[in-house]
């Protein structure tokens, strides 16, 4: 462990293990271990807060920081990704289980473990079938909206706990209405503690970002509650927390539960793949490191499997916790192993004082997490750069708040795909006109637009497929119409046309015949290798004529000037 030279993966035995740690040097190892201690200080109170979102007992939050971290460090490839409890998947879990069993009950914990186990199964199937590309079907736009909706939902869900008023509804709107109706019954001491917690966390974030504000709050609240007996003043505390390492075993569930929870596990799976892949890519790119997405799928699967076996709940690659460890100086998964060691120590000797922790403190900690999920800056950037996409983000957020997290994640995928299809269906088109100095400018592709007398150079900004082929053909026919002057040659700039499907090929075949009948030569330029393969396969090369297909516009124009073409 004292050396810094790495054995090449192709020749080392077991090179697929500990990819996110190797190579290890003494200096780097010490730095990573110190970063792991810092991450533990920041993350333990946050993990406790995530249990309030997930609806599981407090100790399960500590369990997510133990074996799941070890499993991903062993089998994953990302050096930075922290795989543990996360607010998004915790909210999805609670949204699907809240109607199936009482929150934090033994039955609820068993169902939560089953969801983690099923999610692990989905992840390993994704690895076997190389489905990592599914992460690309959640656009950044709808993810901003999704997480914003989760932030609003989670923030409202803990208001009752922060105010000391009972809230029993499962829907966000219902919960908010109950809080409003019970505003006169607010328990003032509980409200005072909650307000102090929120103020301290935000003050630490603004004035001393490196100070673990949540840890300061938890330690201070436990000490104050034990010294002044908060429960005597009606401030609810969490009570005894089981100590010791988790017991391993399969969740006590039946096959009927498996069938019922498959859709919920699929929602968790989609969120995990999208969020983990995006986070891992960001940090791999930032530090110019290679990333094995297939190995990460295996690591994520193993992390969720051991979470299920150790009595925890579904875990995810967390952007906020990953940022924490990087900001603390961690540069490998060794930091996460150090965090797991600290958590093991807490479970063995430090769970006793946690019984004095006020419940409203956890609620307030969750509230600060929820506020961080509401990405107003991201929404503002979307509005400034792409106003049309703002509606997608807001719609996703609204569905999460009004309907549910599980429905929100599915809507996010659908909206992402529809937005992409819309752009492909109605791509940017233009007619190119040469200016003095040899520069080309674009003008609208409207009837009568010419690049030169008798010549139209038409640019189409997407691949040709069944949905947009008729639009392409209609626009070309309009441009080739004789008014105000006859068009003898229509050149299609195919630089953005990467492929042609079967239906589009038939449309192009008919289009070429119509143009030829009207005395217009059809030419293609900027035809790349993949597009040429499609043209050959669909026999469009023979229909259009090989002499009318060019790799560059300059080559096509030279041919036109040397010997004006007639329709094939």
Protein backbone atom coordinates (compact mmCIF):
# COMPACT_ATOMS: atom_id res chain seq x y z
CA UNK A 1 0.00 0.00 0.00
CA UNK A 2 3.04 2.24 0.26
CA UNK A 3 3.71 2.25 -3.52
CA UNK A 4 2.06 4.42 -6.15
CA UNK A 5 2.51 2.31 -9.28
CA UNK A 6 -0.62 0.74 -10.71
CA UNK A 7 -0.67 -2.72 -12.25
CA UNK A 8 -2.22 -2.60 -15.73
CA UNK A 9 -5.81 -3.84 -15.58
CA UNK A 10 -5.27 -6.24 -18.44
CA UNK A 11 -2.57 -8.19 -16.63
CA UNK A 12 -3.46 -7.91 -12.95
CA UNK A 13 -5.37 -10.70 -11.30
CA UNK A 14 -8.74 -9.52 -10.02
CA UNK A 15 -8.31 -6.13 -11.72
CA UNK A 16 -12.07 -5.64 -11.66
CA UNK A 17 -11.94 -5.24 -7.86
CA UNK A 18 -11.29 -1.89 -6.15
CA UNK A 19 -11.04 0.01 -9.43
CA UNK A 20 -12.08 3.16 -7.59
CA UNK A 21 -9.15 2.86 -5.15
CA UNK A 22 -6.13 1.58 -7.06
CA UNK A 23 -3.36 2.71 -7.24
CA UNK A 24 -2.79 3.56 -3.57
CA UNK A 25 0.08 5.66 -2.21
CA UNK A 26 0.78 6.64 1.39
CA UNK A 27 0.19 10.34 0.89
CA UNK A 28 -2.98 9.80 -1.10
CA UNK A 29 -4.24 7.17 1.37
CA UNK A 30 -3.80 9.52 4.35
CA UNK A 31 -5.60 12.30 2.55
CA UNK A 32 -8.47 9.99 1.59
CA UNK A 33 -8.84 8.64 5.14
CA UNK A 34 -9.05 12.17 6.53
CA UNK A 35 -11.63 13.04 3.87
CA UNK A 36 -13.60 9.95 4.92
CA UNK A 37 -13.69 11.13 8.52
CA UNK A 38 -14.97 14.52 7.34
CA UNK A 39 -17.58 12.88 5.14
CA UNK A 40 -18.78 10.80 8.08
CA UNK A 41 -19.12 13.93 10.23
CA UNK A 42 -21.22 15.59 7.55
CA UNK A 43 -23.12 12.55 6.41
CA UNK A 44 -24.22 10.78 9.60
CA UNK A 45 -26.78 13.45 10.56
CA UNK A 46 -27.88 13.73 6.94
CA UNK A 47 -28.43 9.98 6.72
CA UNK A 48 -30.51 10.14 9.89
CA UNK A 49 -32.59 12.80 8.18
CA UNK A 50 -33.09 10.65 5.09
CA UNK A 51 -34.85 8.05 7.24
CA UNK A 52 -37.58 10.61 7.90
CA UNK A 53 -38.05 10.87 4.13
CA UNK A 54 -37.95 7.11 3.59
CA UNK A 55 -40.19 6.37 6.59
CA UNK A 56 -37.76 3.87 8.12
CA UNK A 57 -36.29 3.68 11.67
CA UNK A 58 -33.44 6.09 12.39
CA UNK A 59 -30.78 3.39 12.67
CA UNK A 60 -31.37 2.31 9.06
CA UNK A 61 -29.84 5.59 7.94
CA UNK A 62 -26.57 4.52 9.57
CA UNK A 63 -26.85 1.12 7.91
CA UNK A 64 -26.87 2.79 4.46
CA UNK A 65 -23.43 4.24 5.27
CA UNK A 66 -21.91 0.89 6.13
CA UNK A 67 -22.06 -2.15 3.83
CA UNK A 68 -23.36 -0.28 0.73
CA UNK A 69 -20.28 1.96 0.80
CA UNK A 70 -18.02 -1.08 1.08
CA UNK A 71 -19.83 -2.93 -1.72
CA UNK A 72 -19.56 -0.08 -4.22
CA UNK A 73 -15.94 0.64 -3.28
CA UNK A 74 -15.17 -3.02 -4.02
CA UNK A 75 -17.00 -3.44 -7.33
CA UNK A 76 -17.59 0.05 -8.76
CA UNK A 77 -15.21 2.05 -10.96
CA UNK A 78 -15.94 5.69 -10.02
CA UNK A 79 -13.36 7.10 -7.62
CA UNK A 80 -15.75 9.77 -6.32
CA UNK A 81 -19.35 8.53 -6.40
CA UNK A 82 -20.84 8.14 -2.90
CA UNK A 83 -23.50 5.39 -2.89
CA UNK A 84 -25.72 5.69 0.18
CA UNK A 85 -29.15 6.98 1.20
CA UNK A 86 -30.43 9.74 -1.08
CA UNK A 87 -33.41 12.05 -0.87
CA UNK A 88 -34.77 11.30 -4.35
CA UNK A 89 -34.89 7.50 -3.99
CA UNK A 90 -36.00 7.82 -0.37
CA UNK A 91 -38.96 9.90 -1.52
CA UNK A 92 -39.81 7.40 -4.27
CA UNK A 93 -39.68 4.61 -1.69
CA UNK A 94 -41.97 6.39 0.77
CA UNK A 95 -44.42 7.31 -1.97
CA UNK A 96 -44.81 3.64 -2.92
CA UNK A 97 -44.83 2.05 0.54
CA UNK A 98 -46.81 4.51 2.66
CA UNK A 99 -50.12 2.86 1.73
CA UNK A 100 -48.85 -0.70 2.23
CA UNK A 101 -47.71 -0.69 5.86
CA UNK A 102 -47.42 1.67 8.86
CA UNK A 103 -44.37 3.90 8.58
CA UNK A 104 -41.25 2.59 10.41
CA UNK A 105 -43.03 -0.68 11.29
CA UNK A 106 -41.34 -4.07 10.96
CA UNK A 107 -43.49 -4.80 7.91
CA UNK A 108 -42.53 -1.47 6.35
CA UNK A 109 -38.81 -2.15 6.86
CA UNK A 110 -39.17 -5.59 5.28
CA UNK A 111 -40.90 -4.10 2.24
CA UNK A 112 -38.22 -1.41 1.98
CA UNK A 113 -35.58 -4.16 1.98
CA UNK A 114 -37.44 -6.00 -0.75
CA UNK A 115 -37.51 -2.86 -2.91
CA UNK A 116 -33.73 -2.57 -2.50
CA UNK A 117 -33.30 -6.24 -3.44
CA UNK A 118 -35.51 -5.92 -6.53
CA UNK A 119 -33.67 -2.75 -7.50
CA UNK A 120 -30.39 -4.68 -7.24
CA UNK A 121 -31.88 -7.25 -9.63
CA UNK A 122 -32.85 -4.57 -12.15
CA UNK A 123 -29.35 -3.11 -11.95
CA UNK A 124 -27.61 -6.42 -12.58
CA UNK A 125 -29.93 -7.08 -15.53
CA UNK A 126 -29.05 -3.64 -16.85
CA UNK A 127 -25.40 -4.64 -16.67
CA UNK A 128 -26.00 -7.96 -18.45
CA UNK A 129 -27.96 -6.28 -21.26
CA UNK A 130 -25.76 -3.15 -21.29
CA UNK A 131 -28.66 -0.80 -20.52
CA UNK A 132 -26.55 1.97 -19.05
CA UNK A 133 -27.72 4.16 -21.92
CA UNK A 134 -31.10 4.47 -20.16
CA UNK A 135 -29.52 7.22 -18.09
CA UNK A 136 -29.51 9.38 -21.20
CA UNK A 137 -33.31 9.32 -21.40
CA UNK A 138 -33.65 11.70 -18.46
CA UNK A 139 -32.69 15.17 -19.62
CA UNK A 140 -31.09 17.67 -17.28
CA UNK A 141 -34.15 19.88 -17.72
CA UNK A 142 -36.66 17.42 -16.32
CA UNK A 143 -34.23 16.25 -13.63
CA UNK A 144 -34.11 19.83 -12.35
CA UNK A 145 -37.90 19.87 -12.30
CA UNK A 146 -38.11 16.43 -10.72
CA UNK A 147 -35.72 17.22 -7.87
CA UNK A 148 -37.42 20.58 -7.33
CA UNK A 149 -40.76 18.80 -6.99
CA UNK A 150 -39.20 16.30 -4.57
CA UNK A 151 -37.82 19.21 -2.54
CA UNK A 152 -41.25 20.82 -2.26
CA UNK A 153 -42.91 17.50 -1.42
CA UNK A 154 -40.37 16.54 1.23
CA UNK A 155 -40.32 20.03 2.75
CA UNK A 156 -44.08 20.00 3.20
CA UNK A 157 -44.01 16.43 4.56
CA UNK A 158 -41.84 17.44 7.56
CA UNK A 159 -43.67 20.69 8.41
CA UNK A 160 -45.93 18.90 10.89
CA UNK A 161 -42.93 17.41 12.67
CA UNK A 162 -41.21 20.79 12.82
CA UNK A 163 -44.30 22.51 14.20
CA UNK A 164 -45.34 19.77 16.61
CA UNK A 165 -48.73 19.22 15.01
CA UNK A 166 -50.14 15.85 13.84
CA UNK A 167 -50.20 15.23 10.08
CA UNK A 168 -51.62 11.95 8.80
CA UNK A 169 -52.18 12.48 5.06
CA UNK A 170 -50.08 10.74 2.41
CA UNK A 171 -50.57 13.32 -0.36
CA UNK A 172 -48.62 16.56 -0.37
CA UNK A 173 -51.65 18.80 -0.85
CA UNK A 174 -53.51 16.99 1.93
CA UNK A 175 -50.51 17.32 4.27
CA UNK A 176 -50.19 21.03 3.57
CA UNK A 177 -53.90 21.56 4.17
CA UNK A 178 -53.66 19.77 7.55
CA UNK A 179 -50.71 21.92 8.58
CA UNK A 180 -52.58 25.10 7.67
CA UNK A 181 -55.69 24.00 9.61
CA UNK A 182 -53.58 23.13 12.66
CA UNK A 183 -51.49 26.31 12.66
CA UNK A 184 -53.13 27.51 15.92
CA UNK A 185 -52.08 24.26 17.64
CA UNK A 186 -48.36 24.75 16.97
CA UNK A 187 -46.20 23.53 19.85
CA UNK A 188 -44.05 26.57 20.59
CA UNK A 189 -41.02 24.77 22.17
CA UNK A 190 -40.88 22.37 19.20
CA UNK A 191 -41.12 25.27 16.76
CA UNK A 192 -38.33 27.06 18.62
CA UNK A 193 -35.97 24.08 18.37
CA UNK A 194 -36.80 23.58 14.68
CA UNK A 195 -36.19 27.24 13.88
CA UNK A 196 -32.85 27.18 15.70
CA UNK A 197 -31.76 24.08 13.77
CA UNK A 198 -32.61 25.60 10.38
CA UNK A 199 -30.91 28.88 11.32
CA UNK A 200 -27.69 27.17 12.46
CA UNK A 201 -27.47 24.93 9.37
CA UNK A 202 -27.96 27.82 6.95
CA UNK A 203 -25.63 30.07 8.93
CA UNK A 204 -22.87 27.44 8.82
CA UNK A 205 -23.45 26.96 5.10
CA UNK A 206 -23.13 30.69 4.45
CA UNK A 207 -20.37 31.64 6.89
CA UNK A 208 -18.31 28.43 7.26
CA UNK A 209 -19.08 25.99 4.41
CA UNK A 210 -16.45 23.49 5.58
CA UNK A 211 -17.93 23.29 9.07
CA UNK A 212 -20.26 20.25 9.39
CA UNK A 213 -23.28 22.31 10.41
CA UNK A 214 -25.64 19.35 10.62
CA UNK A 215 -23.26 17.48 12.90
CA UNK A 216 -22.99 20.58 15.13
CA UNK A 217 -26.78 20.69 15.30
CA UNK A 218 -27.16 17.00 16.16
CA UNK A 219 -24.48 17.04 18.86
CA UNK A 220 -25.81 20.28 20.34
CA UNK A 221 -29.43 19.08 20.27
CA UNK A 222 -28.56 15.75 21.92
CA UNK A 223 -26.53 17.48 24.64
CA UNK A 224 -29.22 20.08 25.30
CA UNK A 225 -32.02 17.51 25.30
CA UNK A 226 -30.17 15.27 27.76
CA UNK A 227 -29.24 18.17 30.04
CA UNK A 228 -32.60 19.93 30.11
CA UNK A 229 -34.92 16.96 29.53
CA UNK A 230 -36.67 18.28 26.44
CA UNK A 231 -39.30 15.55 26.66
CA UNK A 232 -40.55 17.14 29.88
CA UNK A 233 -41.57 20.18 27.83
CA UNK A 234 -43.48 18.10 25.31
CA UNK A 235 -40.70 17.95 22.71
CA UNK A 236 -40.81 14.44 21.24
CA UNK A 237 -37.49 12.54 21.09
CA UNK A 238 -36.65 9.53 18.94
CA UNK A 239 -36.10 7.19 21.90
CA UNK A 240 -33.72 4.21 22.17
CA UNK A 241 -31.72 3.39 19.01
CA UNK A 242 -30.54 -0.22 18.56
CA UNK A 243 -26.78 -0.50 18.85
CA UNK A 244 -24.37 -2.93 17.26
CA UNK A 245 -23.75 -3.93 13.67
CA UNK A 246 -26.74 -4.89 11.51
CA UNK A 247 -27.90 -8.49 11.35
CA UNK A 248 -27.80 -9.99 7.87
CA UNK A 249 -30.83 -11.76 6.42
CA UNK A 250 -33.40 -11.69 3.65
CA UNK A 251 -36.51 -9.48 4.12
CA UNK A 252 -39.49 -11.38 5.52
CA UNK A 253 -41.84 -11.01 2.54
CA UNK A 254 -43.89 -13.14 0.17
CA UNK A 255 -44.17 -13.58 -3.59
CA UNK A 256 -47.26 -11.38 -3.65
CA UNK A 257 -45.14 -8.54 -2.28
CA UNK A 258 -42.58 -9.12 -5.04
CA UNK A 259 -45.19 -8.66 -7.75
CA UNK A 260 -46.64 -5.61 -6.06
CA UNK A 261 -43.29 -3.85 -5.66
CA UNK A 262 -41.76 -4.50 -9.08
CA UNK A 263 -43.02 -1.15 -10.50
CA UNK A 264 -41.74 0.75 -7.45
CA UNK A 265 -38.32 -0.90 -7.76
CA UNK A 266 -38.29 0.00 -11.47
CA UNK A 267 -38.82 3.67 -10.57
CA UNK A 268 -35.93 3.50 -8.09
CA UNK A 269 -33.81 1.78 -10.73
CA UNK A 270 -34.42 4.52 -13.28
CA UNK A 271 -33.60 7.24 -10.77
CA UNK A 272 -30.43 5.45 -9.67
CA UNK A 273 -29.16 4.85 -13.20
CA UNK A 274 -29.83 8.42 -14.28
CA UNK A 275 -28.54 10.20 -11.18
CA UNK A 276 -25.56 7.94 -10.50
CA UNK A 277 -24.36 7.90 -14.11
CA UNK A 278 -24.69 11.67 -14.44
CA UNK A 279 -22.84 12.30 -11.16
CA UNK A 280 -20.06 9.80 -11.92
CA UNK A 281 -19.56 11.28 -15.40
CA UNK A 282 -19.25 14.82 -14.06
CA UNK A 283 -16.46 13.95 -11.65
CA UNK A 284 -14.66 11.60 -14.04
CA UNK A 285 -14.63 14.34 -16.68
CA UNK A 286 -13.56 16.99 -14.20
CA UNK A 287 -10.56 14.92 -13.06
CA UNK A 288 -9.83 13.42 -16.51
CA UNK A 289 -10.30 9.86 -15.37
CA UNK A 290 -11.77 6.85 -17.13
CA UNK A 291 -15.16 5.54 -16.10
CA UNK A 292 -16.45 2.00 -16.52
CA UNK A 293 -20.23 2.40 -16.47
CA UNK A 294 -20.79 -1.36 -16.60
CA UNK A 295 -18.69 -1.82 -13.46
CA UNK A 296 -20.63 0.96 -11.76
CA UNK A 297 -23.89 -0.87 -12.49
CA UNK A 298 -22.46 -3.95 -10.78
CA UNK A 299 -21.32 -1.84 -7.83
CA UNK A 300 -24.73 -0.17 -7.51
CA UNK A 301 -26.43 -3.56 -7.67
CA UNK A 302 -24.18 -4.96 -4.95
CA UNK A 303 -24.71 -1.87 -2.78
CA UNK A 304 -28.50 -2.26 -2.95
CA UNK A 305 -28.29 -6.01 -2.35
CA UNK A 306 -26.29 -5.59 0.87
CA UNK A 307 -28.58 -2.72 1.89
CA UNK A 308 -31.50 -5.15 1.67
CA UNK A 309 -29.63 -7.89 3.54
CA UNK A 310 -28.55 -5.52 6.35
CA UNK A 311 -31.99 -4.05 7.06
CA UNK A 312 -31.45 -0.75 5.22
CA UNK A 313 -33.32 0.72 2.26
CA UNK A 314 -32.53 1.55 -1.36
CA UNK A 315 -29.28 3.47 -1.95
CA UNK A 316 -28.23 5.73 -4.80
CA UNK A 317 -25.29 7.69 -6.13
CA UNK A 318 -25.71 11.01 -4.33
CA UNK A 319 -24.59 14.28 -6.01
CA UNK A 320 -24.51 16.21 -2.72
CA UNK A 321 -22.53 13.58 -0.81
CA UNK A 322 -20.15 13.13 -3.74
CA UNK A 323 -19.54 16.88 -3.72
CA UNK A 324 -18.90 16.66 0.04
CA UNK A 325 -16.15 14.05 -0.27
CA UNK A 326 -14.48 15.84 -3.18
CA UNK A 327 -14.59 19.13 -1.29
CA UNK A 328 -13.00 17.38 1.69
CA UNK A 329 -10.03 16.28 -0.43
CA UNK A 330 -11.06 12.69 -1.10
CA UNK A 331 -9.77 11.30 -4.39
CA UNK A 332 -10.77 7.63 -4.23
CA UNK A 333 -13.20 5.15 -2.71
CA UNK A 334 -10.75 4.71 0.15
CA UNK A 335 -12.38 7.80 1.66
CA UNK A 336 -15.73 5.99 1.60
CA UNK A 337 -14.26 2.94 3.32
CA UNK A 338 -12.99 5.27 6.06
CA UNK A 339 -16.52 6.69 6.37
CA UNK A 340 -17.91 3.15 6.75
CA UNK A 341 -15.38 2.46 9.52
CA UNK A 342 -16.47 5.59 11.43
CA UNK A 343 -20.13 4.60 11.06
CA UNK A 344 -19.34 1.11 12.38
CA UNK A 345 -17.77 2.73 15.43
CA UNK A 346 -20.86 4.89 15.95
CA UNK A 347 -23.10 1.81 15.76
CA UNK A 348 -20.97 -0.05 18.26
CA UNK A 349 -20.52 2.59 20.97
CA UNK A 350 -22.38 5.83 20.24
CA UNK A 351 -26.04 4.99 19.58
CA UNK A 352 -27.00 5.47 23.25
CA UNK A 353 -26.95 9.30 23.20
CA UNK A 354 -29.09 9.37 20.04
CA UNK A 355 -32.17 8.49 22.11
CA UNK A 356 -32.23 12.10 23.33
CA UNK A 357 -32.33 13.54 19.81
CA UNK A 358 -35.59 15.51 19.30
CA UNK A 359 -37.68 14.34 16.36
CA UNK A 360 -38.17 17.91 15.25
CA UNK A 361 -34.39 18.21 14.78
CA UNK A 362 -34.46 15.44 12.19
CA UNK A 363 -37.47 17.09 10.57
CA UNK A 364 -35.62 20.41 10.43
CA UNK A 365 -32.53 18.72 8.97
CA UNK A 366 -34.68 17.15 6.27
CA UNK A 367 -36.24 20.56 5.62
CA UNK A 368 -32.78 22.04 4.95
CA UNK A 369 -32.06 19.15 2.57
CA UNK A 370 -35.39 19.73 0.82
CA UNK A 371 -34.64 23.43 0.37
CA UNK A 372 -31.35 22.46 -1.26
CA UNK A 373 -33.22 20.30 -3.78
CA UNK A 374 -35.35 23.22 -4.97
CA UNK A 375 -33.06 24.37 -7.77
CA UNK A 376 -34.18 27.94 -8.38
CA UNK A 377 -30.86 28.77 -10.05
CA UNK A 378 -31.27 25.83 -12.43
CA UNK A 379 -34.84 26.90 -13.26
CA UNK A 380 -33.63 30.44 -13.87
CA UNK A 381 -30.88 29.21 -16.19
CA UNK A 382 -33.37 27.08 -18.13
CA UNK A 383 -35.71 30.06 -18.47
CA UNK A 384 -32.88 32.26 -19.74
CA UNK A 385 -31.34 29.78 -22.15
CA UNK A 386 -34.36 27.74 -23.29
CA UNK A 387 -37.72 29.20 -22.21
CA UNK A 388 -39.66 26.40 -23.90
CA UNK A 389 -38.00 23.79 -21.70
CA UNK A 390 -38.98 25.62 -18.52
CA UNK A 391 -42.52 24.35 -19.01
CA UNK A 392 -41.20 20.77 -19.04
CA UNK A 393 -39.34 21.30 -15.77
CA UNK A 394 -42.29 22.97 -14.04
CA UNK A 395 -44.74 20.34 -15.29
CA UNK A 396 -42.54 17.57 -13.90
CA UNK A 397 -42.24 19.36 -10.56
CA UNK A 398 -46.01 19.89 -10.40
CA UNK A 399 -46.76 16.21 -11.08
CA UNK A 400 -44.34 15.15 -8.32
CA UNK A 401 -46.04 17.49 -5.83
CA UNK A 402 -49.67 16.83 -6.82
CA UNK A 403 -49.57 13.16 -7.90
CA UNK A 404 -46.43 11.46 -6.58
CA UNK A 405 -42.74 10.86 -6.99
CA UNK A 406 -43.09 7.56 -8.83
CA UNK A 407 -45.37 9.14 -11.43
CA UNK A 408 -43.03 12.11 -11.62
CA UNK A 409 -40.02 10.01 -12.60
CA UNK A 410 -42.01 8.23 -15.33
CA UNK A 411 -43.31 11.55 -16.62
CA UNK A 412 -39.76 12.89 -16.62
CA UNK A 413 -38.67 10.11 -18.98
CA UNK A 414 -41.67 10.58 -21.27
CA UNK A 415 -41.23 14.36 -21.44
CA UNK A 416 -37.51 14.00 -22.14
CA UNK A 417 -38.22 11.66 -25.03
CA UNK A 418 -41.06 13.80 -26.41
CA UNK A 419 -38.90 16.91 -26.29
CA UNK A 420 -36.19 15.12 -28.25
CA UNK A 421 -38.67 13.70 -30.76
CA UNK A 422 -40.21 17.15 -31.21
CA UNK A 423 -36.83 18.59 -32.19
CA UNK A 424 -36.19 15.71 -34.57
CA UNK A 425 -39.70 16.02 -36.02
CA UNK A 426 -39.36 19.76 -36.62
CA UNK A 427 -35.62 20.34 -37.01
CA UNK A 428 -33.98 23.60 -38.02
CA UNK A 429 -33.92 24.06 -41.79
CA UNK A 430 -32.42 26.79 -43.95
CA UNK A 431 -31.24 27.78 -47.41
CA UNK A 432 -27.54 28.64 -47.68
CA UNK A 433 -26.44 31.78 -49.52
CA UNK A 434 -22.80 32.62 -50.26
CA UNK A 435 -21.59 36.08 -49.26
CA UNK A 436 -18.54 38.03 -50.34
CA UNK A 437 -15.42 36.36 -48.97
CA UNK A 438 -16.76 32.84 -49.40
CA UNK A 439 -18.80 32.79 -46.17
CA UNK A 440 -22.19 31.12 -46.10
CA UNK A 441 -25.20 32.52 -44.30
CA UNK A 442 -28.57 30.96 -43.65
CA UNK A 443 -31.91 32.34 -44.80
CA UNK A 444 -35.38 30.88 -44.11
CA UNK A 445 -36.27 27.86 -46.23
CA UNK A 446 -39.35 29.41 -47.84
CA UNK A 447 -40.63 29.08 -51.42
CA UNK A 448 -38.61 31.31 -53.74
CA UNK A 449 -35.43 31.23 -51.63
CA UNK A 450 -32.38 30.71 -53.88
CA UNK A 451 -28.69 30.19 -53.21
CA UNK A 452 -27.87 31.28 -56.75
CA UNK A 453 -29.85 31.51 -60.02
CA UNK A 454 -31.31 28.07 -60.61
CA UNK A 455 -29.65 26.64 -57.46
CA UNK A 456 -30.98 25.88 -53.97
CA UNK A 457 -28.68 24.60 -51.20
CA UNK A 458 -30.98 23.26 -48.48
CA UNK A 459 -29.88 22.28 -44.99
CA UNK A 460 -31.95 19.82 -42.90
CA UNK A 461 -30.95 19.61 -39.23
CA UNK A 462 -31.83 16.03 -38.21
CA UNK A 463 -31.76 12.42 -39.25
CA UNK A 464 -34.52 11.33 -41.65
CA UNK A 465 -37.06 8.96 -40.15
CA UNK A 466 -40.69 8.06 -40.62
CA UNK A 467 -42.06 11.05 -38.66
CA UNK A 468 -40.17 13.90 -40.35
CA UNK A 469 -39.65 12.51 -43.86
CA UNK A 470 -42.88 14.00 -45.22
CA UNK A 471 -41.96 17.39 -43.75
CA UNK A 472 -38.58 17.17 -45.46
CA UNK A 473 -40.15 16.20 -48.79
CA UNK A 474 -42.80 18.94 -48.63
CA UNK A 475 -40.21 21.64 -47.93
CA UNK A 476 -37.95 20.43 -50.74
CA UNK A 477 -40.85 20.38 -53.21
CA UNK A 478 -41.82 23.93 -52.20
CA UNK A 479 -38.24 25.15 -52.68
CA UNK A 480 -38.02 23.45 -56.09
CA UNK A 481 -41.22 25.08 -57.38
CA UNK A 482 -40.60 27.20 -60.52
CA UNK A 483 -41.76 30.58 -59.12
CA UNK A 484 -40.22 33.16 -59.33
CA UNK A 485 -37.41 31.49 -61.36
CA UNK A 486 -36.90 27.87 -62.42
CA UNK A 487 -34.72 25.72 -60.16
CA UNK A 488 -32.37 23.37 -62.04
CA UNK A 489 -30.44 21.88 -59.12
CA UNK A 490 -31.38 21.31 -55.48
CA UNK A 491 -28.47 20.42 -53.18
CA UNK A 492 -29.27 18.91 -49.78
CA UNK A 493 -26.64 19.64 -47.12
CA UNK A 494 -26.81 16.30 -45.30
CA UNK A 495 -24.23 17.10 -42.61
CA UNK A 496 -26.84 16.67 -39.87
CA UNK A 497 -28.60 13.71 -41.52
CA UNK A 498 -26.89 10.83 -39.77
CA UNK A 499 -29.31 8.11 -40.81
CA UNK A 500 -32.29 7.28 -43.04
CA UNK A 501 -34.85 4.68 -42.02
CA UNK A 502 -37.00 2.47 -44.26
CA UNK A 503 -40.03 4.78 -44.40
CA UNK A 504 -37.92 7.87 -45.05
CA UNK A 505 -36.04 6.08 -47.83
CA UNK A 506 -39.32 5.42 -49.65
CA UNK A 507 -40.27 9.08 -49.27
CA UNK A 508 -36.91 10.23 -50.66
CA UNK A 509 -37.30 7.80 -53.59
CA UNK A 510 -40.68 9.34 -54.50
CA UNK A 511 -39.27 12.85 -54.01
CA UNK A 512 -36.37 12.20 -56.40
CA UNK A 513 -38.76 10.93 -59.07
CA UNK A 514 -40.98 14.04 -58.73
CA UNK A 515 -37.97 16.37 -58.97
CA UNK A 516 -36.62 14.52 -62.01
CA UNK A 517 -40.01 14.79 -63.70
CA UNK A 518 -39.90 18.57 -63.14
CA UNK A 519 -36.36 18.85 -64.50
CA UNK A 520 -34.64 19.39 -61.13
CA UNK A 521 -31.43 17.53 -60.25
CA UNK A 522 -31.21 16.32 -56.65
CA UNK A 523 -27.76 16.23 -55.04
CA UNK A 524 -26.47 15.35 -51.56
CA UNK A 525 -23.38 16.85 -49.93
CA UNK A 526 -21.54 16.24 -46.64
CA UNK A 527 -22.52 12.58 -46.79
CA UNK A 528 -20.65 10.76 -44.02
CA UNK A 529 -19.86 7.06 -43.85
CA UNK A 530 -22.90 6.04 -41.74
CA UNK A 531 -25.32 7.91 -43.97
CA UNK A 532 -23.71 6.46 -47.10
CA UNK A 533 -24.22 2.98 -45.66
CA UNK A 534 -27.95 3.73 -45.21
CA UNK A 535 -28.18 5.12 -48.76
CA UNK A 536 -26.56 1.96 -50.12
CA UNK A 537 -28.74 -0.36 -48.05
CA UNK A 538 -31.97 1.35 -49.16
CA UNK A 539 -30.65 1.59 -52.78
CA UNK A 540 -30.96 5.36 -52.71
CA UNK A 541 -27.41 5.63 -54.09
CA UNK A 542 -28.65 4.08 -57.34
CA UNK A 543 -31.82 6.17 -57.38
CA UNK A 544 -30.13 9.53 -56.76
CA UNK A 545 -27.00 8.59 -58.72
CA UNK A 546 -23.52 8.14 -57.27
CA UNK A 547 -22.31 11.12 -59.29
CA UNK A 548 -24.82 13.28 -57.38
CA UNK A 549 -23.50 12.37 -53.92
CA UNK A 550 -20.53 14.32 -52.54
CA UNK A 551 -18.53 14.54 -49.35
CA UNK A 552 -18.14 18.35 -49.56
CA UNK A 553 -20.12 21.30 -50.85
CA UNK A 554 -17.05 22.67 -52.65
CA UNK A 555 -16.79 19.46 -54.66
CA UNK A 556 -20.47 19.60 -55.61
CA UNK A 557 -20.31 23.25 -56.70
CA UNK A 558 -17.21 22.58 -58.80
CA UNK A 559 -19.04 19.76 -60.57
CA UNK A 560 -22.08 21.97 -61.20
CA UNK A 561 -19.90 24.76 -62.68
CA UNK A 562 -17.93 22.39 -64.92
CA UNK A 563 -20.89 20.53 -66.38
CA UNK A 564 -24.43 21.52 -65.34
CA UNK A 565 -26.28 18.41 -64.27
CA UNK A 566 -29.58 17.22 -65.66
CA UNK A 567 -32.02 15.13 -63.66
CA UNK A 568 -31.13 11.46 -63.43
